[in-house]
Amino acid sequence: SDLNLEEGMKHFPDDSRIELQNAIEKAIEKGQKYDLVLPFISEKGVQKWVRAIGIAHFRNGNAVRLSGTFQDLSKQIKYEKRIIAQNEELLRLTETRDKLYSII
């Protein structure tokens, strides 16, 4: 469905909004596609992570349309962070075990 870009941009925290605006400008000015993973705040105030993919469509050398998609990556990011934390804990435990073995 068609989205109002200005309204949608309000849901991105400041740094992310700037990053997305820059990507959109490059798409319109230079024809560069973008594919970003950014934090997002839903209408209900829920913090999420989204993947924003976009491309400008040109006619006679001028951008006439911007199309793309947003994908909710919140669960994927949550699981990735959990895996990273578990790996760090395993590494810490392994290092502790190795120190204990070296004492023995």
N, C-alpha and C. Protein backbone atom coordinates (compact mmCIF):
# COMPACT_ATOMS: atom_id res chain seq x y z
N SER A 1 0.84 -1.19 0.00
CA SER A 1 0.00 0.00 0.00
C SER A 1 0.88 1.24 0.00
N ASP A 2 0.32 2.34 -0.46
CA ASP A 2 1.05 3.60 -0.49
C ASP A 2 1.13 4.18 0.90
N LEU A 3 2.32 4.65 1.27
CA LEU A 3 2.52 5.26 2.57
C LEU A 3 2.93 6.71 2.38
N ASN A 4 2.55 7.54 3.33
CA ASN A 4 3.01 8.91 3.36
C ASN A 4 4.39 8.89 3.97
N LEU A 5 5.40 9.26 3.18
CA LEU A 5 6.79 9.17 3.62
C LEU A 5 7.03 10.02 4.86
N GLU A 6 6.53 11.24 4.86
CA GLU A 6 6.74 12.14 6.00
C GLU A 6 6.15 11.56 7.28
N GLU A 7 4.97 10.99 7.19
CA GLU A 7 4.32 10.38 8.36
C GLU A 7 5.10 9.17 8.84
N GLY A 8 5.57 8.34 7.92
CA GLY A 8 6.32 7.15 8.28
C GLY A 8 7.66 7.47 8.93
N MET A 9 8.29 8.56 8.50
CA MET A 9 9.60 8.93 9.03
C MET A 9 9.53 9.29 10.51
N LYS A 10 8.38 9.71 10.99
CA LYS A 10 8.23 10.09 12.40
C LYS A 10 8.44 8.91 13.34
N HIS A 11 8.35 7.70 12.82
CA HIS A 11 8.46 6.50 13.65
C HIS A 11 9.91 6.05 13.85
N PHE A 12 10.85 6.72 13.19
CA PHE A 12 12.26 6.36 13.33
C PHE A 12 12.95 7.31 14.30
N PRO A 13 13.75 6.77 15.23
CA PRO A 13 14.55 7.64 16.10
C PRO A 13 15.45 8.53 15.25
N ASP A 14 15.90 9.65 15.83
CA ASP A 14 16.63 10.68 15.08
C ASP A 14 17.75 10.16 14.19
N ASP A 15 18.69 9.39 14.75
CA ASP A 15 19.83 8.91 13.96
C ASP A 15 19.37 8.02 12.80
N SER A 16 18.40 7.18 13.07
CA SER A 16 17.89 6.28 12.04
C SER A 16 17.14 7.05 10.97
N ARG A 17 16.39 8.04 11.39
CA ARG A 17 15.65 8.88 10.43
C ARG A 17 16.63 9.56 9.47
N ILE A 18 17.72 10.08 10.01
CA ILE A 18 18.72 10.74 9.17
C ILE A 18 19.34 9.74 8.20
N GLU A 19 19.68 8.55 8.70
CA GLU A 19 20.26 7.52 7.84
C GLU A 19 19.31 7.13 6.71
N LEU A 20 18.02 6.98 7.03
CA LEU A 20 17.04 6.62 6.01
C LEU A 20 16.82 7.78 5.04
N GLN A 21 16.76 9.01 5.55
CA GLN A 21 16.60 10.17 4.66
C GLN A 21 17.76 10.27 3.68
N ASN A 22 18.98 10.05 4.17
CA ASN A 22 20.16 10.09 3.30
C ASN A 22 20.08 9.00 2.22
N ALA A 23 19.65 7.82 2.61
CA ALA A 23 19.53 6.71 1.65
C ALA A 23 18.47 7.03 0.60
N ILE A 24 17.36 7.61 1.01
CA ILE A 24 16.30 7.97 0.07
C ILE A 24 16.79 9.05 -0.89
N GLU A 25 17.50 10.03 -0.36
CA GLU A 25 18.04 11.10 -1.22
C GLU A 25 19.00 10.53 -2.27
N LYS A 26 19.86 9.60 -1.86
CA LYS A 26 20.80 8.98 -2.81
C LYS A 26 20.04 8.16 -3.85
N ALA A 27 18.95 7.52 -3.43
CA ALA A 27 18.15 6.74 -4.38
C ALA A 27 17.54 7.67 -5.42
N ILE A 28 17.02 8.80 -4.98
CA ILE A 28 16.36 9.74 -5.89
C ILE A 28 17.38 10.47 -6.76
N GLU A 29 18.50 10.88 -6.17
CA GLU A 29 19.48 11.67 -6.90
C GLU A 29 20.41 10.83 -7.77
N LYS A 30 20.80 9.64 -7.29
CA LYS A 30 21.83 8.85 -7.98
C LYS A 30 21.35 7.47 -8.42
N GLY A 31 20.13 7.12 -8.07
CA GLY A 31 19.62 5.81 -8.46
C GLY A 31 20.14 4.68 -7.61
N GLN A 32 20.71 4.98 -6.43
CA GLN A 32 21.24 3.94 -5.56
C GLN A 32 20.11 3.27 -4.78
N LYS A 33 20.08 1.94 -4.82
CA LYS A 33 19.13 1.19 -4.00
C LYS A 33 19.58 1.28 -2.55
N TYR A 34 18.66 1.05 -1.62
CA TYR A 34 19.06 0.97 -0.23
C TYR A 34 18.44 -0.24 0.44
N ASP A 35 19.17 -0.73 1.44
CA ASP A 35 18.76 -1.90 2.21
C ASP A 35 19.34 -1.70 3.61
N LEU A 36 18.51 -1.24 4.54
CA LEU A 36 18.96 -0.85 5.87
C LEU A 36 18.20 -1.62 6.95
N VAL A 37 18.85 -1.82 8.09
CA VAL A 37 18.18 -2.37 9.28
C VAL A 37 18.23 -1.26 10.32
N LEU A 38 17.03 -0.84 10.77
CA LEU A 38 16.93 0.34 11.63
C LEU A 38 15.94 0.12 12.77
N PRO A 39 16.14 0.81 13.89
CA PRO A 39 15.13 0.79 14.95
C PRO A 39 13.91 1.58 14.51
N PHE A 40 12.76 1.21 15.04
CA PHE A 40 11.47 1.76 14.62
C PHE A 40 10.54 1.77 15.83
N ILE A 41 9.73 2.79 15.97
CA ILE A 41 8.75 2.88 17.05
C ILE A 41 7.36 2.80 16.43
N SER A 42 6.58 1.77 16.81
CA SER A 42 5.25 1.58 16.22
C SER A 42 4.28 2.65 16.73
N GLU A 43 3.11 2.70 16.13
CA GLU A 43 2.05 3.62 16.55
C GLU A 43 1.73 3.45 18.03
N LYS A 44 1.84 2.22 18.53
CA LYS A 44 1.53 1.94 19.94
C LYS A 44 2.73 2.14 20.85
N GLY A 45 3.85 2.63 20.30
CA GLY A 45 5.04 2.90 21.10
C GLY A 45 5.94 1.70 21.32
N VAL A 46 5.71 0.62 20.59
CA VAL A 46 6.52 -0.58 20.73
C VAL A 46 7.81 -0.41 19.92
N GLN A 47 8.95 -0.66 20.57
CA GLN A 47 10.22 -0.57 19.87
C GLN A 47 10.44 -1.82 19.04
N LYS A 48 10.76 -1.63 17.77
CA LYS A 48 10.97 -2.73 16.85
C LYS A 48 12.23 -2.48 16.04
N TRP A 49 12.61 -3.50 15.26
CA TRP A 49 13.67 -3.38 14.28
C TRP A 49 13.04 -3.68 12.93
N VAL A 50 13.33 -2.84 11.93
CA VAL A 50 12.79 -3.08 10.60
C VAL A 50 13.90 -3.06 9.57
N ARG A 51 13.66 -3.79 8.51
CA ARG A 51 14.53 -3.73 7.34
C ARG A 51 13.81 -2.86 6.32
N ALA A 52 14.47 -1.83 5.86
CA ALA A 52 13.91 -0.91 4.87
C ALA A 52 14.67 -1.09 3.56
N ILE A 53 13.94 -1.47 2.52
CA ILE A 53 14.52 -1.68 1.20
C ILE A 53 13.82 -0.73 0.24
N GLY A 54 14.58 -0.04 -0.59
CA GLY A 54 13.93 0.89 -1.51
C GLY A 54 14.71 1.11 -2.78
N ILE A 55 13.98 1.60 -3.79
CA ILE A 55 14.56 1.91 -5.09
C ILE A 55 13.73 3.02 -5.72
N ALA A 56 14.43 3.92 -6.39
CA ALA A 56 13.75 4.99 -7.12
C ALA A 56 13.51 4.52 -8.56
N HIS A 57 12.37 4.92 -9.10
CA HIS A 57 12.04 4.61 -10.50
C HIS A 57 12.16 5.90 -11.30
N PHE A 58 12.81 5.78 -12.44
CA PHE A 58 13.12 6.97 -13.24
C PHE A 58 12.39 6.95 -14.59
N ARG A 59 12.07 8.14 -15.05
CA ARG A 59 11.53 8.32 -16.39
C ARG A 59 12.21 9.55 -16.97
N ASN A 60 12.82 9.39 -18.12
CA ASN A 60 13.54 10.50 -18.78
C ASN A 60 14.59 11.11 -17.86
N GLY A 61 15.25 10.26 -17.07
CA GLY A 61 16.33 10.73 -16.20
C GLY A 61 15.89 11.36 -14.90
N ASN A 62 14.59 11.39 -14.65
CA ASN A 62 14.08 11.98 -13.41
C ASN A 62 13.39 10.92 -12.55
N ALA A 63 13.62 11.00 -11.25
CA ALA A 63 12.95 10.08 -10.34
C ALA A 63 11.46 10.45 -10.31
N VAL A 64 10.62 9.46 -10.58
CA VAL A 64 9.18 9.72 -10.60
C VAL A 64 8.44 8.96 -9.51
N ARG A 65 9.13 7.99 -8.91
CA ARG A 65 8.46 7.17 -7.90
C ARG A 65 9.52 6.49 -7.05
N LEU A 66 9.20 6.29 -5.79
CA LEU A 66 10.06 5.55 -4.87
C LEU A 66 9.24 4.37 -4.37
N SER A 67 9.78 3.18 -4.53
CA SER A 67 9.07 1.99 -4.02
C SER A 67 9.99 1.20 -3.13
N GLY A 68 9.39 0.41 -2.28
CA GLY A 68 10.18 -0.41 -1.39
C GLY A 68 9.31 -1.18 -0.43
N THR A 69 9.96 -1.71 0.58
CA THR A 69 9.24 -2.51 1.57
C THR A 69 9.88 -2.35 2.94
N PHE A 70 9.07 -2.58 3.95
CA PHE A 70 9.54 -2.64 5.32
C PHE A 70 9.24 -4.04 5.84
N GLN A 71 10.23 -4.63 6.50
CA GLN A 71 10.06 -5.98 7.06
C GLN A 71 10.40 -5.91 8.54
N ASP A 72 9.51 -6.44 9.38
CA ASP A 72 9.75 -6.46 10.82
C ASP A 72 10.77 -7.54 11.14
N LEU A 73 11.93 -7.12 11.66
CA LEU A 73 13.00 -8.05 12.01
C LEU A 73 13.16 -8.18 13.53
N SER A 74 12.19 -7.71 14.28
CA SER A 74 12.31 -7.65 15.74
C SER A 74 12.65 -9.00 16.36
N LYS A 75 11.94 -10.04 15.98
CA LYS A 75 12.20 -11.37 16.56
C LYS A 75 13.58 -11.86 16.17
N GLN A 76 13.94 -11.68 14.91
CA GLN A 76 15.26 -12.13 14.45
C GLN A 76 16.37 -11.42 15.22
N ILE A 77 16.27 -10.12 15.39
CA ILE A 77 17.29 -9.35 16.11
C ILE A 77 17.34 -9.81 17.57
N LYS A 78 16.17 -10.03 18.16
CA LYS A 78 16.11 -10.50 19.56
C LYS A 78 16.84 -11.82 19.71
N TYR A 79 16.59 -12.76 18.79
CA TYR A 79 17.24 -14.07 18.87
C TYR A 79 18.74 -13.96 18.60
N GLU A 80 19.13 -13.10 17.67
CA GLU A 80 20.56 -12.90 17.40
C GLU A 80 21.28 -12.37 18.64
N LYS A 81 20.65 -11.41 19.32
CA LYS A 81 21.26 -10.85 20.53
C LYS A 81 21.36 -11.91 21.62
N ARG A 82 20.34 -12.75 21.72
CA ARG A 82 20.35 -13.83 22.72
C ARG A 82 21.49 -14.81 22.42
N ILE A 83 21.67 -15.16 21.16
CA ILE A 83 22.74 -16.09 20.77
C ILE A 83 24.10 -15.47 21.07
N ILE A 84 24.27 -14.20 20.76
CA ILE A 84 25.54 -13.53 21.04
C ILE A 84 25.83 -13.55 22.54
N ALA A 85 24.83 -13.25 23.36
CA ALA A 85 25.01 -13.26 24.81
C ALA A 85 25.37 -14.66 25.31
N GLN A 86 24.71 -15.69 24.76
CA GLN A 86 25.01 -17.06 25.16
C GLN A 86 26.43 -17.45 24.75
N ASN A 87 26.84 -17.04 23.56
CA ASN A 87 28.20 -17.35 23.11
C ASN A 87 29.24 -16.67 23.99
N GLU A 88 28.96 -15.42 24.38
CA GLU A 88 29.88 -14.71 25.27
C GLU A 88 29.97 -15.41 26.63
N GLU A 89 28.85 -15.89 27.14
CA GLU A 89 28.84 -16.61 28.41
C GLU A 89 29.62 -17.92 28.29
N LEU A 90 29.42 -18.64 27.19
CA LEU A 90 30.17 -19.88 26.98
C LEU A 90 31.67 -19.62 26.89
N LEU A 91 32.05 -18.54 26.22
CA LEU A 91 33.45 -18.19 26.12
C LEU A 91 34.02 -17.87 27.50
N ARG A 92 33.27 -17.12 28.29
CA ARG A 92 33.71 -16.78 29.64
C ARG A 92 33.87 -18.04 30.49
N LEU A 93 32.91 -18.96 30.39
CA LEU A 93 32.99 -20.22 31.15
C LEU A 93 34.18 -21.07 30.70
N THR A 94 34.43 -21.09 29.40
CA THR A 94 35.56 -21.86 28.87
C THR A 94 36.88 -21.29 29.38
N GLU A 95 36.99 -19.96 29.37
CA GLU A 95 38.21 -19.32 29.87
C GLU A 95 38.40 -19.61 31.36
N THR A 96 37.30 -19.59 32.12
CA THR A 96 37.38 -19.90 33.56
C THR A 96 37.82 -21.34 33.77
N ARG A 97 37.26 -22.25 32.98
CA ARG A 97 37.63 -23.66 33.08
C ARG A 97 39.11 -23.85 32.77
N ASP A 98 39.57 -23.19 31.72
CA ASP A 98 40.98 -23.31 31.34
C ASP A 98 41.90 -22.79 32.43
N LYS A 99 41.50 -21.71 33.09
CA LYS A 99 42.30 -21.18 34.20
C LYS A 99 42.34 -22.16 35.35
N LEU A 100 41.20 -22.78 35.63
CA LEU A 100 41.16 -23.77 36.72
C LEU A 100 42.05 -24.98 36.39
N TYR A 101 42.02 -25.43 35.16
CA TYR A 101 42.86 -26.57 34.76
C TYR A 101 44.34 -26.21 34.87
N SER A 102 44.69 -24.99 34.55
CA SER A 102 46.09 -24.60 34.61
C SER A 102 46.59 -24.51 36.07
N ILE A 103 45.67 -24.27 37.00
CA ILE A 103 46.03 -24.24 38.41
C ILE A 103 46.27 -25.65 38.93
N ILE A 104 45.47 -26.58 38.46
CA ILE A 104 45.55 -27.97 38.92
C ILE A 104 46.75 -28.61 38.40
